[in-house]
Protein backbone atom coordinates (compact mmCIF):
# COMPACT_ATOMS: atom_id res chain seq x y z
CA MET A 1 109.53 346.44 90.65
CA SER A 2 110.65 350.22 89.57
CA GLU A 3 113.83 349.10 87.64
CA VAL A 4 115.40 347.61 90.46
CA VAL A 5 117.93 346.36 87.49
CA ILE A 6 118.39 348.52 84.40
CA LEU A 7 118.62 346.36 80.87
CA THR A 8 120.50 348.36 78.34
CA GLU A 9 118.64 347.36 74.58
CA ALA A 10 122.05 345.99 73.49
CA ALA A 11 122.10 343.50 76.39
CA ALA A 12 118.51 342.80 75.80
CA LEU A 13 119.39 342.06 72.24
CA GLN A 14 122.04 339.60 73.06
CA ILE A 15 119.45 338.04 76.06
CA LYS A 16 117.01 337.54 72.96
CA ASP A 17 119.30 335.73 70.96
CA MET A 18 119.99 333.63 73.44
CA MET A 19 116.48 332.67 74.15
CA LYS A 20 115.76 331.74 70.56
CA GLU A 21 119.15 329.57 70.54
CA HIS A 22 117.89 327.90 73.52
CA ASP A 23 114.33 327.36 72.58
CA GLU A 24 113.43 329.87 75.75
CA THR A 25 111.65 332.53 73.86
CA ASP A 26 108.81 332.52 76.76
CA ALA A 27 110.98 333.06 79.53
CA MET A 28 111.86 335.35 82.05
CA LEU A 29 115.00 336.49 82.72
CA ARG A 30 116.30 335.86 86.45
CA VAL A 31 118.68 338.36 87.91
CA ALA A 32 119.86 337.07 91.17
CA VAL A 33 123.31 337.40 94.08
CA LYS A 34 124.34 334.06 95.23
CA GLY A 35 127.02 333.69 97.93
CA GLY A 36 130.57 332.71 97.15
CA GLY A 37 132.82 334.10 94.26
CA CYS A 38 136.34 335.91 95.88
CA SER A 39 134.89 338.80 97.42
CA GLY A 40 131.66 336.67 99.10
CA LEU A 41 128.62 337.83 96.43
CA SER A 42 128.53 336.92 93.09
CA TYR A 43 125.60 337.39 90.30
CA GLY A 44 123.77 334.80 88.60
CA MET A 45 121.46 335.22 85.55
CA GLY A 46 119.43 332.34 83.69
CA PHE A 47 116.06 332.06 82.26
CA GLU A 48 112.88 331.16 84.25
CA HIS A 49 109.08 330.09 83.65
CA ASP A 50 108.08 330.56 87.06
CA LEU A 51 107.64 333.03 89.84
CA GLN A 52 108.28 332.10 93.48
CA ASP A 53 106.52 334.16 96.17
CA GLY A 54 108.10 337.70 96.50
CA ASP A 55 109.18 337.88 92.88
CA ALA A 56 109.25 341.16 91.37
CA THR A 57 109.12 341.74 87.43
CA THR A 58 109.04 344.49 85.23
CA GLU A 59 109.75 344.20 81.46
CA GLN A 60 112.35 346.09 79.62
CA HIS A 61 113.11 346.23 75.90
CA GLY A 62 110.83 343.16 75.36
CA ILE A 63 112.73 340.77 78.11
CA LYS A 64 111.04 339.95 81.26
CA LEU A 65 113.17 340.95 84.36
CA VAL A 66 112.31 338.75 87.34
CA VAL A 67 114.08 339.54 90.92
CA ALA A 68 113.57 337.79 94.05
CA LYS A 69 112.51 340.39 96.75
CA ASN A 70 115.79 339.41 98.99
CA ASP A 71 117.63 340.44 96.08
CA ALA A 72 116.17 343.41 95.07
CA ALA A 73 118.15 346.02 97.84
CA ILE A 74 121.56 344.48 96.82
CA LEU A 75 120.89 344.97 92.77
CA ASN A 76 119.04 348.54 93.47
CA GLY A 77 120.31 350.48 90.79
CA THR A 78 122.17 347.87 88.79
CA LYS A 79 123.03 348.23 85.04
CA ILE A 80 123.43 345.59 82.43
CA ASP A 81 124.85 346.02 79.31
CA TYR A 82 126.67 344.16 76.42
CA LYS A 83 129.93 344.70 75.37
CA GLN A 84 131.10 343.75 71.96
CA SER A 85 135.12 343.78 71.34
CA MET A 86 137.82 342.52 68.76
CA MET A 87 138.22 339.29 71.47
CA GLY A 88 134.59 338.78 71.88
CA GLY A 89 131.38 340.27 73.79
CA GLY A 90 130.32 339.83 77.23
CA PHE A 91 127.83 341.23 79.57
CA THR A 92 128.86 343.91 82.17
CA ILE A 93 127.21 344.48 85.17
CA ASP A 94 127.24 348.06 86.83
CA ASN A 95 126.24 348.19 90.79
CA PRO A 96 126.17 351.14 92.52
CA ASN A 97 125.74 348.89 95.91
CA ALA A 98 129.37 347.44 95.24
CA ILE A 99 131.77 348.66 97.52
CA ALA A 100 134.69 346.47 96.35
CA SER A 101 135.05 343.95 93.65
CA CYS A 102 137.49 340.99 93.53
CA GLY A 103 139.70 341.17 90.44
CA CYS A 104 138.72 338.99 87.83
CA GLY A 105 135.37 340.94 88.34
CA SER A 106 132.86 338.42 89.00
CA SER A 107 132.33 338.70 92.32
CA PHE A 108 131.42 341.88 94.79
CA VAL A 109 130.96 342.90 98.55
CA THR A 110 128.35 346.13 99.36
CA ALA A 111 128.26 347.89 102.63
CA THR A 112 125.43 345.89 104.22
CA ASN A 113 126.17 342.46 102.88
CA LYS A 114 129.56 340.53 102.69
CA GLY A 115 128.57 337.22 101.81
CA THR A 116 131.18 334.51 102.47
CA PRO A 117 134.06 334.52 100.09
CA GLU A 118 135.87 331.77 98.29
CA ASN A 119 138.85 330.77 96.70
CA CYS A 120 138.87 331.79 92.99
């Protein structure tokens, strides 16, 4: 996978900390797209131990990333960062394919995939 998802160093450090905290140091990070959310699509991230047919993998900053073949086009060029502020920290996702997102910022729509909106 030629960098479908770009992971910043700050995000990788936070993910490594979470992996240690949850005893998942040998896991991969799956980045996915799910139907739902206010706009129709939402992001998912979680630890994965097994690859599925069609999965693409890459490694960035010591984190093994996994993206399903069906999600690759929607996520292509997506940048995942981690921002720390006085109010706490959190992951930010910048997807150049998203043409609209909901007010809470957790769901989105692309020009080719609108998903199925849910109530927030």
